[in-house]
């Protein structure tokens, strides 16, 4: 079965509540969690399911609504390799880039790295285009120039044109972005490193989005 919900407590509820999957789980069942949740919790959930002879893959995705519609999602998978191989045709039906990351929890860790890089690239895209305009440059010409060089990124080439055309159609929820980056900071704490980017972005969100920021969406 596939689970894809918003946050760690939601996955726990689906799996282990009174009416959860756990109650009817049978030996040989495979649970694929495609949510973006805590790697620590993923390990715990996987161990609990294994007590009933079930396997779990953590398989968070990247690519958004567009990727889901067009079946071009990036899928990062953690768990036993033999279980991944059994489920590969299912992933291939949903996504274009299917990566086996390693043991349980590594799919979630990979997704959190993705979210950290994506947030920083998004900020760089917005700030760069603002700087271009402030400096009196033609922003469209600047975008073409920097998109072809070392500064290029998915955020720049895909969202840069939307910014310049004032296309503010709703995109990814800022509430979920905030949740993902908090999970990334937990991962950073686990590895005991210095990675200021995600923490800075977390501080930036509420200041820029106001008191109702949890209901906002990223529109670029």
C-alpha atoms as a PDB file:
ATOM      1  CA  UNK A   1       0.000   0.000   0.000  1.00  0.00           C
ATOM      2  CA  UNK A   2       1.032   3.625  -0.604  1.00  0.00           C
ATOM      3  CA  UNK A   3       0.856   6.392   1.990  1.00  0.00           C
ATOM      4  CA  UNK A   4       1.268  10.030   0.964  1.00  0.00           C
ATOM      5  CA  UNK A   5       0.223  12.609   3.538  1.00  0.00           C
ATOM      6  CA  UNK A   6       1.531  15.910   4.876  1.00  0.00           C
ATOM      7  CA  UNK A   7       3.657  15.246   7.946  1.00  0.00           C
ATOM      8  CA  UNK A   8       5.169  12.701  10.322  1.00  0.00           C
ATOM      9  CA  UNK A   9       2.186  12.556  12.732  1.00  0.00           C
ATOM     10  CA  UNK A  10      -0.129  11.932   9.777  1.00  0.00           C
ATOM     11  CA  UNK A  11       1.888   8.918   8.659  1.00  0.00           C
ATOM     12  CA  UNK A  12       1.953   7.608  12.213  1.00  0.00           C
ATOM     13  CA  UNK A  13      -1.820   7.979  12.439  1.00  0.00           C
ATOM     14  CA  UNK A  14      -2.419   6.160   9.139  1.00  0.00           C
ATOM     15  CA  UNK A  15      -0.145   3.307  10.147  1.00  0.00           C
ATOM     16  CA  UNK A  16      -0.629   2.879  13.883  1.00  0.00           C
ATOM     17  CA  UNK A  17      -3.904   4.461  15.042  1.00  0.00           C
ATOM     18  CA  UNK A  18      -6.861   2.360  16.205  1.00  0.00           C
ATOM     19  CA  UNK A  19      -8.062   2.039  12.625  1.00  0.00           C
ATOM     20  CA  UNK A  20      -4.557   2.107  11.155  1.00  0.00           C
ATOM     21  CA  UNK A  21      -2.769  -0.194   8.748  1.00  0.00           C
ATOM     22  CA  UNK A  22      -1.000  -1.899  11.648  1.00  0.00           C
ATOM     23  CA  UNK A  23      -4.243  -3.517  12.818  1.00  0.00           C
ATOM     24  CA  UNK A  24      -4.777  -5.411   9.592  1.00  0.00           C
ATOM     25  CA  UNK A  25      -1.188  -5.802   8.457  1.00  0.00           C
ATOM     26  CA  UNK A  26      -0.247  -9.261   7.236  1.00  0.00           C
ATOM     27  CA  UNK A  27       3.107 -10.876   6.655  1.00  0.00           C
ATOM     28  CA  UNK A  28       4.593  -9.955   3.288  1.00  0.00           C
ATOM     29  CA  UNK A  29       2.782  -6.628   3.024  1.00  0.00           C
ATOM     30  CA  UNK A  30       4.821  -3.702   1.668  1.00  0.00           C
ATOM     31  CA  UNK A  31       4.127  -0.153   2.837  1.00  0.00           C
ATOM     32  CA  UNK A  32       5.486   2.613   0.598  1.00  0.00           C
ATOM     33  CA  UNK A  33       5.535   5.989   2.303  1.00  0.00           C
ATOM     34  CA  UNK A  34       5.817   8.749  -0.290  1.00  0.00           C
ATOM     35  CA  UNK A  35       5.351  11.552   2.232  1.00  0.00           C
ATOM     36  CA  UNK A  36       8.227  13.802   3.313  1.00  0.00           C
ATOM     37  CA  UNK A  37       8.737  13.040   6.999  1.00  0.00           C
ATOM     38  CA  UNK A  38      11.346  12.573   9.700  1.00  0.00           C
ATOM     39  CA  UNK A  39      14.082  10.023   8.862  1.00  0.00           C
ATOM     40  CA  UNK A  40      14.198   9.106  12.559  1.00  0.00           C
ATOM     41  CA  UNK A  41      10.481   8.355  12.591  1.00  0.00           C
ATOM     42  CA  UNK A  42      10.815   6.411   9.342  1.00  0.00           C
ATOM     43  CA  UNK A  43      13.292   4.040  10.967  1.00  0.00           C
ATOM     44  CA  UNK A  44      10.950   3.560  13.922  1.00  0.00           C
ATOM     45  CA  UNK A  45       7.922   2.933  11.700  1.00  0.00           C
ATOM     46  CA  UNK A  46       9.879   0.462   9.584  1.00  0.00           C
ATOM     47  CA  UNK A  47      10.985  -1.493  12.654  1.00  0.00           C
ATOM     48  CA  UNK A  48       7.428  -1.672  14.002  1.00  0.00           C
ATOM     49  CA  UNK A  49       6.071  -2.929  10.686  1.00  0.00           C
ATOM     50  CA  UNK A  50       8.809  -5.530  10.483  1.00  0.00           C
ATOM     51  CA  UNK A  51       7.505  -6.984  13.755  1.00  0.00           C
ATOM     52  CA  UNK A  52       4.481  -8.133  11.743  1.00  0.00           C
ATOM     53  CA  UNK A  53       6.545  -9.383   8.842  1.00  0.00           C
ATOM     54  CA  UNK A  54       5.895  -6.270   6.734  1.00  0.00           C
ATOM     55  CA  UNK A  55       8.419  -4.224   4.797  1.00  0.00           C
ATOM     56  CA  UNK A  56       8.507  -0.455   4.383  1.00  0.00           C
ATOM     57  CA  UNK A  57      10.074   1.764   1.755  1.00  0.00           C
ATOM     58  CA  UNK A  58      10.452   5.489   2.278  1.00  0.00           C
ATOM     59  CA  UNK A  59       9.990   7.036  -1.157  1.00  0.00           C
ATOM     60  CA  UNK A  60       9.465  10.822  -1.015  1.00  0.00           C
ATOM     61  CA  UNK A  61       9.066  12.631  -4.303  1.00  0.00           C
ATOM     62  CA  UNK A  62      10.154  15.842  -5.984  1.00  0.00           C
ATOM     63  CA  UNK A  63       8.583  17.552  -8.957  1.00  0.00           C
ATOM     64  CA  UNK A  64       5.342  18.920  -7.569  1.00  0.00           C
ATOM     65  CA  UNK A  65       1.878  18.759  -9.057  1.00  0.00           C
ATOM     66  CA  UNK A  66       3.209  19.134 -12.598  1.00  0.00           C
ATOM     67  CA  UNK A  67       5.557  16.187 -12.152  1.00  0.00           C
ATOM     68  CA  UNK A  68       2.756  14.063 -10.738  1.00  0.00           C
ATOM     69  CA  UNK A  69       0.416  14.880 -13.648  1.00  0.00           C
ATOM     70  CA  UNK A  70       3.088  14.218 -16.247  1.00  0.00           C
ATOM     71  CA  UNK A  71       4.568  11.160 -14.486  1.00  0.00           C
ATOM     72  CA  UNK A  72       7.991  12.779 -14.314  1.00  0.00           C
ATOM     73  CA  UNK A  73       8.506  12.827 -10.548  1.00  0.00           C
ATOM     74  CA  UNK A  74      11.887  12.275  -8.980  1.00  0.00           C
ATOM     75  CA  UNK A  75      11.557   9.485  -6.410  1.00  0.00           C
ATOM     76  CA  UNK A  76      14.182   8.849  -3.721  1.00  0.00           C
ATOM     77  CA  UNK A  77      13.829   5.418  -2.138  1.00  0.00           C
ATOM     78  CA  UNK A  78      15.167   3.939   1.090  1.00  0.00           C
ATOM     79  CA  UNK A  79      14.708   0.390   2.377  1.00  0.00           C
ATOM     80  CA  UNK A  80      15.792  -3.121   1.468  1.00  0.00           C
ATOM     81  CA  UNK A  81      17.126  -3.302  -2.075  1.00  0.00           C
ATOM     82  CA  UNK A  82      15.192  -6.453  -2.918  1.00  0.00           C
ATOM     83  CA  UNK A  83      11.955  -4.763  -1.841  1.00  0.00           C
ATOM     84  CA  UNK A  84      12.850  -1.733  -3.952  1.00  0.00           C
ATOM     85  CA  UNK A  85      13.380  -3.995  -6.977  1.00  0.00           C
ATOM     86  CA  UNK A  86       9.958  -5.567  -6.489  1.00  0.00           C
ATOM     87  CA  UNK A  87       8.319  -2.126  -6.382  1.00  0.00           C
ATOM     88  CA  UNK A  88      10.360  -0.538  -9.173  1.00  0.00           C
ATOM     89  CA  UNK A  89       7.666  -0.952 -11.886  1.00  0.00           C
ATOM     90  CA  UNK A  90       5.254   0.961  -9.653  1.00  0.00           C
ATOM     91  CA  UNK A  91       7.731   3.799  -9.210  1.00  0.00           C
ATOM     92  CA  UNK A  92       8.440   3.863 -12.939  1.00  0.00           C
ATOM     93  CA  UNK A  93       4.732   4.365 -13.597  1.00  0.00           C
ATOM     94  CA  UNK A  94       4.809   7.530 -11.475  1.00  0.00           C
ATOM     95  CA  UNK A  95       8.234   9.022 -12.017  1.00  0.00           C
ATOM     96  CA  UNK A  96      11.106   9.592 -14.401  1.00  0.00           C
ATOM     97  CA  UNK A  97      14.143   9.598 -12.115  1.00  0.00           C
ATOM     98  CA  UNK A  98      14.026   6.717  -9.638  1.00  0.00           C
ATOM     99  CA  UNK A  99      16.964   6.625  -7.228  1.00  0.00           C
ATOM    100  CA  UNK A 100      17.678   3.871  -4.728  1.00  0.00           C
ATOM    101  CA  UNK A 101      19.341   5.778  -1.886  1.00  0.00           C
ATOM    102  CA  UNK A 102      20.126   2.924   0.501  1.00  0.00           C
ATOM    103  CA  UNK A 103      18.750   1.530   3.730  1.00  0.00           C
ATOM    104  CA  UNK A 104      15.586   2.649   5.508  1.00  0.00           C
ATOM    105  CA  UNK A 105      15.486   6.404   6.089  1.00  0.00           C
ATOM    106  CA  UNK A 106      17.936   7.325   3.323  1.00  0.00           C
ATOM    107  CA  UNK A 107      15.128   8.260   0.940  1.00  0.00           C
ATOM    108  CA  UNK A 108      13.892  10.802   3.474  1.00  0.00           C
ATOM    109  CA  UNK A 109      17.395  12.118   4.105  1.00  0.00           C
ATOM    110  CA  UNK A 110      17.939  12.562   0.375  1.00  0.00           C
ATOM    111  CA  UNK A 111      14.641  14.449   0.062  1.00  0.00           C
ATOM    112  CA  UNK A 112      15.638  16.800   2.894  1.00  0.00           C
ATOM    113  CA  UNK A 113      18.913  17.578   1.117  1.00  0.00           C
ATOM    114  CA  UNK A 114      16.796  18.291  -1.969  1.00  0.00           C
ATOM    115  CA  UNK A 115      14.563  20.666  -0.001  1.00  0.00           C
ATOM    116  CA  UNK A 116      17.497  22.516   1.505  1.00  0.00           C
ATOM    117  CA  UNK A 117      19.150  23.018  -1.886  1.00  0.00           C
ATOM    118  CA  UNK A 118      15.845  23.961  -3.526  1.00  0.00           C
ATOM    119  CA  UNK A 119      15.010  26.601  -0.916  1.00  0.00           C
ATOM    120  CA  UNK A 120      18.418  28.223  -1.197  1.00  0.00           C
ATOM    121  CA  UNK A 121      18.257  28.165  -5.013  1.00  0.00           C
ATOM    122  CA  UNK A 122      14.781  29.722  -4.931  1.00  0.00           C
ATOM    123  CA  UNK A 123      16.037  32.529  -2.716  1.00  0.00           C
ATOM    124  CA  UNK A 124      19.037  33.054  -4.996  1.00  0.00           C
ATOM    125  CA  UNK A 125      16.733  33.247  -8.031  1.00  0.00           C
ATOM    126  CA  UNK A 126      14.488  35.886  -6.471  1.00  0.00           C
ATOM    127  CA  UNK A 127      17.347  37.955  -5.080  1.00  0.00           C
ATOM    128  CA  UNK A 128      19.283  37.794  -8.338  1.00  0.00           C
ATOM    129  CA  UNK A 129      16.371  39.057 -10.419  1.00  0.00           C
ATOM    130  CA  UNK A 130      15.631  41.790  -7.882  1.00  0.00           C
ATOM    131  CA  UNK A 131      19.258  42.872  -8.055  1.00  0.00           C
ATOM    132  CA  UNK A 132      19.140  42.924 -11.858  1.00  0.00           C
ATOM    133  CA  UNK A 133      16.136  45.248 -11.829  1.00  0.00           C
ATOM    134  CA  UNK A 134      17.593  47.462  -9.106  1.00  0.00           C
ATOM    135  CA  UNK A 135      20.774  47.809 -11.141  1.00  0.00           C
ATOM    136  CA  UNK A 136      18.799  49.015 -14.173  1.00  0.00           C
ATOM    137  CA  UNK A 137      19.328  45.847 -16.211  1.00  0.00           C
ATOM    138  CA  UNK A 138      16.813  44.250 -18.549  1.00  0.00           C
ATOM    139  CA  UNK A 139      15.726  41.382 -16.298  1.00  0.00           C
ATOM    140  CA  UNK A 140      14.776  39.087 -19.181  1.00  0.00           C
ATOM    141  CA  UNK A 141      18.148  39.548 -20.843  1.00  0.00           C
ATOM    142  CA  UNK A 142      19.874  38.954 -17.509  1.00  0.00           C
ATOM    143  CA  UNK A 143      17.851  35.789 -16.937  1.00  0.00           C
ATOM    144  CA  UNK A 144      18.887  34.400 -20.326  1.00  0.00           C
ATOM    145  CA  UNK A 145      22.514  35.218 -19.620  1.00  0.00           C
ATOM    146  CA  UNK A 146      22.776  33.676 -16.179  1.00  0.00           C
ATOM    147  CA  UNK A 147      20.608  30.653 -17.049  1.00  0.00           C
ATOM    148  CA  UNK A 148      23.253  29.487 -19.514  1.00  0.00           C
ATOM    149  CA  UNK A 149      26.168  29.556 -17.083  1.00  0.00           C
ATOM    150  CA  UNK A 150      27.331  28.318 -13.719  1.00  0.00           C
ATOM    151  CA  UNK A 151      24.567  30.192 -11.864  1.00  0.00           C
ATOM    152  CA  UNK A 152      21.827  28.168 -13.539  1.00  0.00           C
ATOM    153  CA  UNK A 153      19.442  25.973 -11.544  1.00  0.00           C
ATOM    154  CA  UNK A 154      16.020  24.372 -11.935  1.00  0.00           C
ATOM    155  CA  UNK A 155      14.555  27.207  -9.887  1.00  0.00           C
ATOM    156  CA  UNK A 156      16.146  29.834 -12.124  1.00  0.00           C
ATOM    157  CA  UNK A 157      15.193  28.303 -15.470  1.00  0.00           C
ATOM    158  CA  UNK A 158      11.680  27.196 -14.481  1.00  0.00           C
ATOM    159  CA  UNK A 159      10.562  29.856 -12.024  1.00  0.00           C
ATOM    160  CA  UNK A 160      12.584  32.834 -13.249  1.00  0.00           C
ATOM    161  CA  UNK A 161      10.312  33.346 -16.295  1.00  0.00           C
ATOM    162  CA  UNK A 162       7.225  33.109 -14.058  1.00  0.00           C
ATOM    163  CA  UNK A 163       8.585  35.817 -11.802  1.00  0.00           C
ATOM    164  CA  UNK A 164       9.259  38.140 -14.709  1.00  0.00           C
ATOM    165  CA  UNK A 165       5.797  37.568 -16.214  1.00  0.00           C
ATOM    166  CA  UNK A 166       4.091  38.206 -12.848  1.00  0.00           C
ATOM    167  CA  UNK A 167       2.669  34.694 -12.864  1.00  0.00           C
ATOM    168  CA  UNK A 168       1.695  34.205  -9.229  1.00  0.00           C
ATOM    169  CA  UNK A 169      -0.400  31.058  -9.620  1.00  0.00           C
ATOM    170  CA  UNK A 170      -0.153  29.073  -6.364  1.00  0.00           C
ATOM    171  CA  UNK A 171       2.638  26.556  -6.129  1.00  0.00           C
ATOM    172  CA  UNK A 172       4.066  24.743  -3.105  1.00  0.00           C
ATOM    173  CA  UNK A 173       2.631  25.441   0.361  1.00  0.00           C
ATOM    174  CA  UNK A 174       4.885  27.571   2.550  1.00  0.00           C
ATOM    175  CA  UNK A 175       3.580  25.616   5.543  1.00  0.00           C
ATOM    176  CA  UNK A 176       4.979  22.428   3.994  1.00  0.00           C
ATOM    177  CA  UNK A 177       8.196  24.175   2.979  1.00  0.00           C
ATOM    178  CA  UNK A 178       8.590  25.278   6.578  1.00  0.00           C
ATOM    179  CA  UNK A 179       7.942  21.727   7.789  1.00  0.00           C
ATOM    180  CA  UNK A 180      10.484  20.268   5.370  1.00  0.00           C
ATOM    181  CA  UNK A 181      13.195  22.730   6.352  1.00  0.00           C
ATOM    182  CA  UNK A 182      12.582  22.067  10.035  1.00  0.00           C
ATOM    183  CA  UNK A 183      13.130  18.390   9.280  1.00  0.00           C
ATOM    184  CA  UNK A 184      16.320  19.362   7.449  1.00  0.00           C
ATOM    185  CA  UNK A 185      17.545  21.228  10.529  1.00  0.00           C
ATOM    186  CA  UNK A 186      16.888  18.100  12.602  1.00  0.00           C
ATOM    187  CA  UNK A 187      19.055  16.152  10.159  1.00  0.00           C
ATOM    188  CA  UNK A 188      21.736  18.823  10.435  1.00  0.00           C
ATOM    189  CA  UNK A 189      21.611  18.511  14.232  1.00  0.00           C
ATOM    190  CA  UNK A 190      22.053  14.745  13.899  1.00  0.00           C
ATOM    191  CA  UNK A 191      25.212  15.131  11.812  1.00  0.00           C
ATOM    192  CA  UNK A 192      26.459  17.938  14.073  1.00  0.00           C
ATOM    193  CA  UNK A 193      27.445  20.205  11.195  1.00  0.00           C
ATOM    194  CA  UNK A 194      27.361  23.901  10.359  1.00  0.00           C
ATOM    195  CA  UNK A 195      24.834  24.497   7.572  1.00  0.00           C
ATOM    196  CA  UNK A 196      23.412  28.018   7.978  1.00  0.00           C
ATOM    197  CA  UNK A 197      21.357  28.139   4.759  1.00  0.00           C
ATOM    198  CA  UNK A 198      18.249  26.182   5.840  1.00  0.00           C
ATOM    199  CA  UNK A 199      18.148  27.900   9.237  1.00  0.00           C
ATOM    200  CA  UNK A 200      18.362  31.316   7.602  1.00  0.00           C
ATOM    201  CA  UNK A 201      15.559  30.465   5.187  1.00  0.00           C
ATOM    202  CA  UNK A 202      13.383  29.343   8.111  1.00  0.00           C
ATOM    203  CA  UNK A 203      13.916  32.692   9.824  1.00  0.00           C
ATOM    204  CA  UNK A 204      13.210  34.507   6.556  1.00  0.00           C
ATOM    205  CA  UNK A 205       9.770  32.951   5.895  1.00  0.00           C
ATOM    206  CA  UNK A 206       7.678  34.365   8.754  1.00  0.00           C
ATOM    207  CA  UNK A 207       9.267  37.810   8.462  1.00  0.00           C
ATOM    208  CA  UNK A 208       8.383  38.054   4.771  1.00  0.00           C
ATOM    209  CA  UNK A 209       4.986  36.366   4.832  1.00  0.00           C
ATOM    210  CA  UNK A 210       3.373  38.063   7.827  1.00  0.00           C
ATOM    211  CA  UNK A 211       1.214  36.706  10.602  1.00  0.00           C
ATOM    212  CA  UNK A 212      -0.779  34.350   8.360  1.00  0.00           C
ATOM    213  CA  UNK A 213       2.269  32.843   6.666  1.00  0.00           C
ATOM    214  CA  UNK A 214       1.200  29.251   7.445  1.00  0.00           C
ATOM    215  CA  UNK A 215      -1.651  29.592   4.964  1.00  0.00           C
ATOM    216  CA  UNK A 216       0.474  31.086   2.180  1.00  0.00           C
ATOM    217  CA  UNK A 217       1.816  29.310  -0.854  1.00  0.00           C
ATOM    218  CA  UNK A 218       4.981  29.784  -2.857  1.00  0.00           C
ATOM    219  CA  UNK A 219       3.671  31.363  -6.029  1.00  0.00           C
ATOM    220  CA  UNK A 220       6.786  31.429  -8.155  1.00  0.00           C
END
